[in-house]
Amino acid sequence: MPIVSFIVTFYQQRPFIERAIRSALDQNFDGIEVIAVDDGSTDGSSTLVSNIDDPRLKLIVQDNRGPSLAANAGIEAASGEYIALLGGDDVALPDRISRQHDLVSRGYTDIAFDVPLLIDENGLPLSNAAYPAFSRREGGQNLQVSLDVLFFDKNFLCAPSAFMRKSTFSEVGPFNPGLIQLQDFEYWIRCLKKGFRLDVICDGLTAYRRLTKSRNLSSEVYMNRILFEEDYIMRRFFDDLDMPSLRKHFGKYIPFQFGDSFGETALAKALIYLYHRHYAVSNMAFEILIDILKDDAQTRETATSVGLTMPVIFNEMLSLRRNAD
């Protein structure tokens, strides 16, 4: 029985898929299986994979249904106690699993990521400037990820570097099939809300490939999809958080002693949105306030008693934006 199941999802990645799978098979860790999931490729990728002669490799071919369903299918088919994710054009360094398994199996963390090394389509190294989102480090130390950090900094976690127990996936649930670009971001948010610990290893254990504009995620279609999915996720960020949870994760942004009512919880959420540095997100504070103050007299009274009138909120937002600029 394998200990770790590598889930390698791919779509139209014929030039890179064999290297990705061999990097998963060539780990310096005993007890690996690789579940390769072809999400409906038409470029012959599956033929390359099927020609790899290794009993630890299993190939799943499905219609093109998106990365979430591909990952879900691979994880459901996994036999290992642990799950490691990898993209079809990425590379796992030889000691990745041994390092991550050590951390998760000892209970240091529930989900381990790393700060990936960036490579181009020829496998040559790129600087962090090619994709600065992944370069977040704090003094060269491992970073524990918190819910407020994901809210304010958005997604800086490299999904193809993720490692966790399969039981974690079972408890959190599958990746959202309606999301194509930010399904991982939404998933890590759910993990944190469930109480799981997420940590980023400051070392590079995964090589993450950045392709040219004609082939990678830099297209106009991709950017529009990102904006749509980001808006979807951020609008729902607090949907299942009550007042005690808001205080636990975002207490410093809620200076008032609000009660647990629906209206006062909404006021707290509006305050948190207000402090987001991206205008599209901070504007969500006004949407909440307009709706709740229009319909809830008790909440209007509470807001007025602590000075949270619309003019005050608007002036505070302008001040925050001037300071940010």
Protein backbone atom coordinates (compact mmCIF):
# COMPACT_ATOMS: atom_id res chain seq x y z
CA MET A 1 0.00 0.00 0.00
CA PRO A 2 1.50 3.39 -0.97
CA ILE A 3 2.05 6.03 1.67
CA VAL A 4 1.88 9.09 -0.59
CA SER A 5 -0.23 9.57 -3.71
CA PHE A 6 1.06 12.17 -6.15
CA ILE A 7 -1.85 13.70 -8.10
CA VAL A 8 -0.57 15.04 -11.43
CA THR A 9 -3.28 16.78 -13.46
CA PHE A 10 -2.65 17.85 -17.02
CA TYR A 11 -4.28 19.30 -20.12
CA GLN A 12 -2.46 19.82 -23.44
CA GLN A 13 0.97 19.61 -21.76
CA ARG A 14 2.68 17.06 -23.98
CA PRO A 15 6.10 18.80 -23.94
CA PHE A 16 6.29 18.65 -20.14
CA ILE A 17 4.10 15.87 -18.77
CA GLU A 18 6.67 13.06 -18.90
CA ARG A 19 9.19 15.15 -16.96
CA ALA A 20 6.55 16.02 -14.37
CA ILE A 21 5.56 12.40 -13.81
CA ARG A 22 9.13 11.11 -13.66
CA SER A 23 9.97 13.76 -11.07
CA ALA A 24 7.13 12.41 -8.93
CA LEU A 25 8.28 8.81 -9.39
CA ASP A 26 11.93 9.64 -8.68
CA GLN A 27 11.45 10.93 -5.13
CA ASN A 28 13.94 9.79 -2.50
CA PHE A 29 11.00 8.43 -0.49
CA ASP A 30 9.67 4.87 -0.49
CA GLY A 31 5.94 4.35 -0.84
CA ILE A 32 4.98 6.62 -3.76
CA GLU A 33 2.18 6.15 -6.25
CA VAL A 34 1.38 8.59 -9.06
CA ILE A 35 -2.17 9.22 -10.23
CA ALA A 36 -2.01 11.08 -13.56
CA VAL A 37 -5.30 12.66 -14.64
CA ASP A 38 -5.71 13.79 -18.24
CA ASP A 39 -8.44 16.42 -18.42
CA GLY A 40 -9.37 15.73 -22.03
CA SER A 41 -6.09 16.51 -23.82
CA THR A 42 -5.99 16.16 -27.62
CA ASP A 43 -2.23 16.58 -28.07
CA GLY A 44 -1.18 13.00 -27.36
CA SER A 45 -0.23 13.63 -23.73
CA SER A 46 -1.95 10.47 -22.55
CA THR A 47 -0.01 8.34 -25.02
CA LEU A 48 3.26 9.58 -23.55
CA VAL A 49 2.06 8.84 -20.04
CA SER A 50 0.77 5.37 -20.92
CA ASN A 51 4.20 4.51 -22.33
CA ILE A 52 5.90 5.11 -18.97
CA ASP A 53 6.57 1.61 -17.68
CA ASP A 54 6.20 1.85 -13.92
CA PRO A 55 3.70 -0.13 -11.81
CA ARG A 56 3.37 2.82 -9.42
CA LEU A 57 1.73 4.92 -12.15
CA LYS A 58 -2.01 4.98 -12.82
CA LEU A 59 -3.57 7.00 -15.66
CA ILE A 60 -7.09 8.41 -15.59
CA VAL A 61 -8.48 9.94 -18.79
CA GLN A 62 -11.62 12.06 -18.62
CA ASP A 63 -13.48 14.55 -20.78
CA ASN A 64 -12.37 18.17 -20.46
CA ARG A 65 -14.23 19.22 -17.31
CA GLY A 66 -11.75 21.59 -15.71
CA PRO A 67 -8.92 21.37 -13.17
CA SER A 68 -11.12 21.02 -10.09
CA LEU A 69 -12.83 17.86 -11.28
CA ALA A 70 -9.51 16.49 -12.52
CA ALA A 71 -7.93 16.97 -9.09
CA ASN A 72 -11.00 15.57 -7.35
CA ALA A 73 -10.93 12.45 -9.54
CA GLY A 74 -7.25 11.88 -8.82
CA ILE A 75 -7.63 12.31 -5.08
CA GLU A 76 -10.66 10.01 -4.95
CA ALA A 77 -8.64 7.32 -6.76
CA ALA A 78 -5.63 7.71 -4.45
CA SER A 79 -4.62 4.85 -2.17
CA GLY A 80 -2.09 6.72 -0.06
CA GLU A 81 -2.63 8.22 3.37
CA TYR A 82 -1.13 11.46 2.07
CA ILE A 83 -1.80 13.53 -1.04
CA ALA A 84 0.75 15.60 -2.98
CA LEU A 85 -0.35 17.87 -5.84
CA LEU A 86 1.68 18.61 -8.96
CA GLY A 87 0.91 20.36 -12.24
CA GLY A 88 1.52 18.63 -15.55
CA ASP A 89 4.19 21.15 -16.53
CA ASP A 90 5.88 21.42 -13.12
CA VAL A 91 8.69 19.44 -11.50
CA ALA A 92 9.01 18.01 -7.99
CA LEU A 93 12.55 18.12 -6.62
CA PRO A 94 13.82 14.74 -5.32
CA ASP A 95 13.50 15.52 -1.60
CA ARG A 96 10.13 17.25 -1.73
CA ILE A 97 8.03 14.41 -0.35
CA SER A 98 10.50 13.40 2.35
CA ARG A 99 10.57 16.99 3.64
CA GLN A 100 6.83 17.56 3.50
CA HIS A 101 5.91 14.13 4.86
CA ASP A 102 8.17 14.71 7.84
CA LEU A 103 6.37 17.94 8.74
CA VAL A 104 2.82 16.69 8.26
CA SER A 105 3.29 13.21 9.75
CA ARG A 106 4.83 14.70 12.91
CA GLY A 107 1.88 17.06 13.32
CA TYR A 108 3.86 20.25 12.73
CA THR A 109 1.29 21.31 10.13
CA ASP A 110 -1.73 19.93 8.31
CA ILE A 111 -0.96 21.22 4.81
CA ALA A 112 2.60 21.97 3.68
CA PHE A 113 3.54 24.18 0.74
CA ASP A 114 6.90 25.46 -0.46
CA VAL A 115 8.15 28.62 -2.16
CA PRO A 116 8.66 27.23 -5.66
CA LEU A 117 11.60 27.74 -7.93
CA LEU A 118 10.47 29.42 -11.14
CA ILE A 119 11.50 27.96 -14.50
CA ASP A 120 10.74 28.81 -18.11
CA GLU A 121 9.53 26.46 -20.86
CA ASN A 122 13.09 25.23 -21.37
CA GLY A 123 13.58 24.45 -17.69
CA LEU A 124 15.87 27.44 -17.14
CA PRO A 125 15.56 29.41 -13.89
CA LEU A 126 13.57 32.62 -13.73
CA SER A 127 13.78 35.37 -11.13
CA ASN A 128 11.02 35.85 -8.55
CA ALA A 129 9.98 38.93 -10.51
CA ALA A 130 8.44 36.58 -13.08
CA TYR A 131 5.75 35.70 -10.54
CA PRO A 132 6.22 37.67 -7.31
CA ALA A 133 3.10 36.26 -5.63
CA PHE A 134 5.02 33.13 -4.60
CA SER A 135 8.06 34.93 -3.18
CA ARG A 136 6.47 35.86 0.16
CA ARG A 137 8.90 34.94 2.95
CA GLU A 138 9.52 36.26 6.42
CA GLY A 139 13.17 36.31 7.35
CA GLY A 140 13.86 33.05 5.55
CA GLN A 141 11.68 31.19 8.03
CA ASN A 142 8.76 28.88 7.40
CA LEU A 143 5.51 30.85 7.31
CA GLN A 144 2.30 29.85 9.06
CA VAL A 145 -0.63 31.01 6.95
CA SER A 146 -3.57 32.70 8.66
CA LEU A 147 -7.03 33.55 7.38
CA ASP A 148 -6.49 37.30 7.66
CA VAL A 149 -3.27 37.05 5.64
CA LEU A 150 -5.09 35.21 2.84
CA PHE A 151 -7.83 37.85 2.92
CA PHE A 152 -5.55 40.87 2.69
CA ASP A 153 -2.73 39.40 0.58
CA LYS A 154 -4.90 37.05 -1.50
CA ASN A 155 -3.44 33.83 -2.84
CA PHE A 156 0.33 33.42 -2.57
CA LEU A 157 0.25 29.65 -2.04
CA CYS A 158 1.57 27.42 -4.81
CA ALA A 159 -1.05 24.71 -5.29
CA PRO A 160 1.30 22.32 -7.18
CA SER A 161 3.46 22.25 -4.04
CA ALA A 162 0.65 21.27 -1.63
CA PHE A 163 0.92 18.18 0.60
CA MET A 164 -1.74 16.97 3.05
CA ARG A 165 -3.47 13.93 4.46
CA LYS A 166 -6.23 12.45 2.35
CA SER A 167 -8.44 12.65 5.43
CA THR A 168 -8.06 16.44 5.31
CA PHE A 169 -9.50 16.42 1.80
CA SER A 170 -12.34 14.21 3.00
CA GLU A 171 -13.23 16.63 5.79
CA VAL A 172 -12.91 19.86 3.78
CA GLY A 173 -14.59 18.47 0.69
CA PRO A 174 -13.69 18.57 -3.01
CA PHE A 175 -12.38 21.46 -5.06
CA ASN A 176 -15.19 23.67 -6.36
CA PRO A 177 -15.85 22.55 -9.97
CA GLY A 178 -17.25 25.96 -10.89
CA LEU A 179 -13.85 27.61 -10.40
CA ILE A 180 -11.15 27.23 -13.03
CA GLN A 181 -8.35 29.62 -12.00
CA LEU A 182 -8.74 30.22 -8.26
CA GLN A 183 -10.16 26.90 -7.10
CA ASP A 184 -7.09 26.43 -4.95
CA PHE A 185 -7.47 29.84 -3.24
CA GLU A 186 -11.07 29.07 -2.34
CA TYR A 187 -9.98 25.65 -1.08
CA TRP A 188 -7.26 26.97 1.25
CA ILE A 189 -9.79 29.43 2.70
CA ARG A 190 -12.09 26.53 3.50
CA CYS A 191 -9.22 24.60 5.08
CA LEU A 192 -8.40 27.47 7.43
CA LYS A 193 -12.05 27.93 8.36
CA LYS A 194 -12.16 24.23 9.28
CA GLY A 195 -9.26 24.79 11.65
CA PHE A 196 -6.46 23.16 9.66
CA ARG A 197 -2.97 24.60 9.88
CA LEU A 198 -1.19 25.67 6.67
CA ASP A 199 2.55 26.31 6.47
CA VAL A 200 4.92 27.37 3.71
CA ILE A 201 8.41 25.88 3.73
CA CYS A 202 10.77 28.67 2.72
CA ASP A 203 12.89 26.31 0.59
CA GLY A 204 12.10 25.55 -3.04
CA LEU A 205 10.96 21.93 -3.34
CA THR A 206 8.92 22.38 -6.52
CA ALA A 207 9.85 23.94 -9.86
CA TYR A 208 6.89 25.95 -11.16
CA ARG A 209 6.91 26.56 -14.89
CA ARG A 210 6.03 29.95 -16.41
CA LEU A 211 5.43 29.84 -20.14
CA THR A 212 5.36 32.51 -22.84
CA LYS A 213 2.25 34.64 -23.22
CA SER A 214 0.94 32.58 -26.08
CA ARG A 215 0.93 29.43 -23.98
CA ASN A 216 0.52 30.27 -20.33
CA LEU A 217 -1.88 31.97 -17.96
CA SER A 218 -1.13 35.53 -19.12
CA SER A 219 -3.88 35.75 -21.73
CA GLU A 220 -6.74 38.23 -21.65
CA VAL A 221 -9.22 35.40 -21.15
CA TYR A 222 -7.25 34.21 -18.13
CA MET A 223 -7.08 37.67 -16.56
CA ASN A 224 -10.81 38.25 -17.01
CA ARG A 225 -11.54 34.88 -15.45
CA ILE A 226 -9.24 35.69 -12.53
CA LEU A 227 -11.07 38.97 -11.86
CA PHE A 228 -14.45 37.26 -11.99
CA GLU A 229 -13.46 34.40 -9.68
CA GLU A 230 -11.64 36.73 -7.29
CA ASP A 231 -14.76 38.87 -6.96
CA TYR A 232 -16.86 35.74 -6.39
CA ILE A 233 -14.56 34.49 -3.62
CA MET A 234 -14.06 37.81 -1.85
CA ARG A 235 -17.78 38.57 -1.74
CA ARG A 236 -18.34 35.26 0.03
CA PHE A 237 -15.23 35.32 2.21
CA PHE A 238 -17.14 35.87 5.47
CA ASP A 239 -20.39 34.08 4.64
CA ASP A 240 -19.93 31.29 7.18
CA LEU A 241 -18.08 33.23 9.88
CA ASP A 242 -19.99 34.31 12.99
CA MET A 243 -18.89 37.09 15.34
CA PRO A 244 -16.64 34.89 17.55
CA SER A 245 -14.87 33.62 14.42
CA LEU A 246 -14.48 37.14 13.06
CA ARG A 247 -12.93 38.27 16.32
CA LYS A 248 -10.60 35.26 16.35
CA HIS A 249 -9.23 35.89 12.86
CA PHE A 250 -9.77 39.64 12.35
CA GLY A 251 -10.08 41.08 15.86
CA LYS A 252 -7.74 44.04 15.34
CA TYR A 253 -10.00 45.36 12.59
CA ILE A 254 -13.09 45.32 14.83
CA PRO A 255 -12.47 47.95 17.54
CA PHE A 256 -16.07 48.00 18.79
CA GLN A 257 -17.85 45.62 21.15
CA PHE A 258 -20.48 44.42 18.74
CA GLY A 259 -22.97 41.75 19.74
CA ASP A 260 -23.68 38.55 17.85
CA SER A 261 -26.77 39.73 15.98
CA PHE A 262 -26.97 39.49 12.20
CA GLY A 263 -26.77 43.26 11.82
CA GLU A 264 -23.79 43.78 14.12
CA THR A 265 -21.96 40.86 12.51
CA ALA A 266 -22.56 42.55 9.15
CA LEU A 267 -21.10 45.80 10.51
CA ALA A 268 -17.97 43.93 11.59
CA LYS A 269 -17.61 42.38 8.13
CA ALA A 270 -17.97 45.82 6.54
CA LEU A 271 -15.17 47.18 8.72
CA ILE A 272 -12.85 44.38 7.63
CA TYR A 273 -13.65 44.93 3.96
CA LEU A 274 -12.98 48.64 4.43
CA TYR A 275 -9.32 48.03 5.25
CA HIS A 276 -8.57 46.00 2.12
CA ARG A 277 -6.08 47.81 -0.10
CA HIS A 278 -7.78 46.78 -3.35
CA TYR A 279 -10.59 49.15 -4.19
CA ALA A 280 -12.86 46.50 -5.67
CA VAL A 281 -12.79 44.66 -2.34
CA SER A 282 -12.99 47.66 -0.01
CA ASN A 283 -16.04 48.88 -1.92
CA MET A 284 -17.84 45.78 -0.67
CA ALA A 285 -17.98 47.50 2.72
CA PHE A 286 -20.38 50.06 1.27
CA GLU A 287 -22.60 47.41 -0.26
CA ILE A 288 -23.02 45.75 3.12
CA LEU A 289 -23.64 49.03 4.93
CA ILE A 290 -26.16 50.31 2.40
CA ASP A 291 -28.18 47.10 2.62
CA ILE A 292 -28.05 46.62 6.37
CA LEU A 293 -28.60 50.26 7.38
CA LYS A 294 -31.55 50.53 5.00
CA ASP A 295 -33.46 47.63 6.51
CA ASP A 296 -32.36 47.27 10.13
CA ALA A 297 -33.26 50.08 12.53
CA GLN A 298 -31.49 48.44 15.48
CA THR A 299 -28.27 48.13 13.50
CA ARG A 300 -28.56 51.76 12.40
CA GLU A 301 -28.78 52.75 16.05
CA THR A 302 -25.75 50.61 16.94
CA ALA A 303 -23.75 52.02 14.03
CA THR A 304 -24.62 55.60 14.94
CA SER A 305 -23.68 55.03 18.60
CA VAL A 306 -20.12 54.09 17.61
CA GLY A 307 -19.82 56.69 14.85
CA LEU A 308 -20.23 54.36 11.89
CA THR A 309 -22.31 56.65 9.73
CA MET A 310 -21.97 56.58 5.96
CA PRO A 311 -20.12 59.93 5.79
CA VAL A 312 -17.64 58.76 8.43
CA ILE A 313 -17.07 55.45 6.67
CA PHE A 314 -16.62 57.15 3.32
CA ASN A 315 -14.08 59.63 4.71
CA GLU A 316 -12.20 56.80 6.40
CA MET A 317 -12.00 54.94 3.11
CA LEU A 318 -10.68 58.02 1.32
CA SER A 319 -8.04 58.45 4.03
CA LEU A 320 -6.95 54.82 3.76
CA ARG A 321 -6.66 55.11 -0.01
CA ARG A 322 -4.61 58.28 0.15
CA ASN A 323 -2.21 56.62 2.57
CA ALA A 324 -1.99 53.54 0.34
CA ASP A 325 -1.22 55.66 -2.72
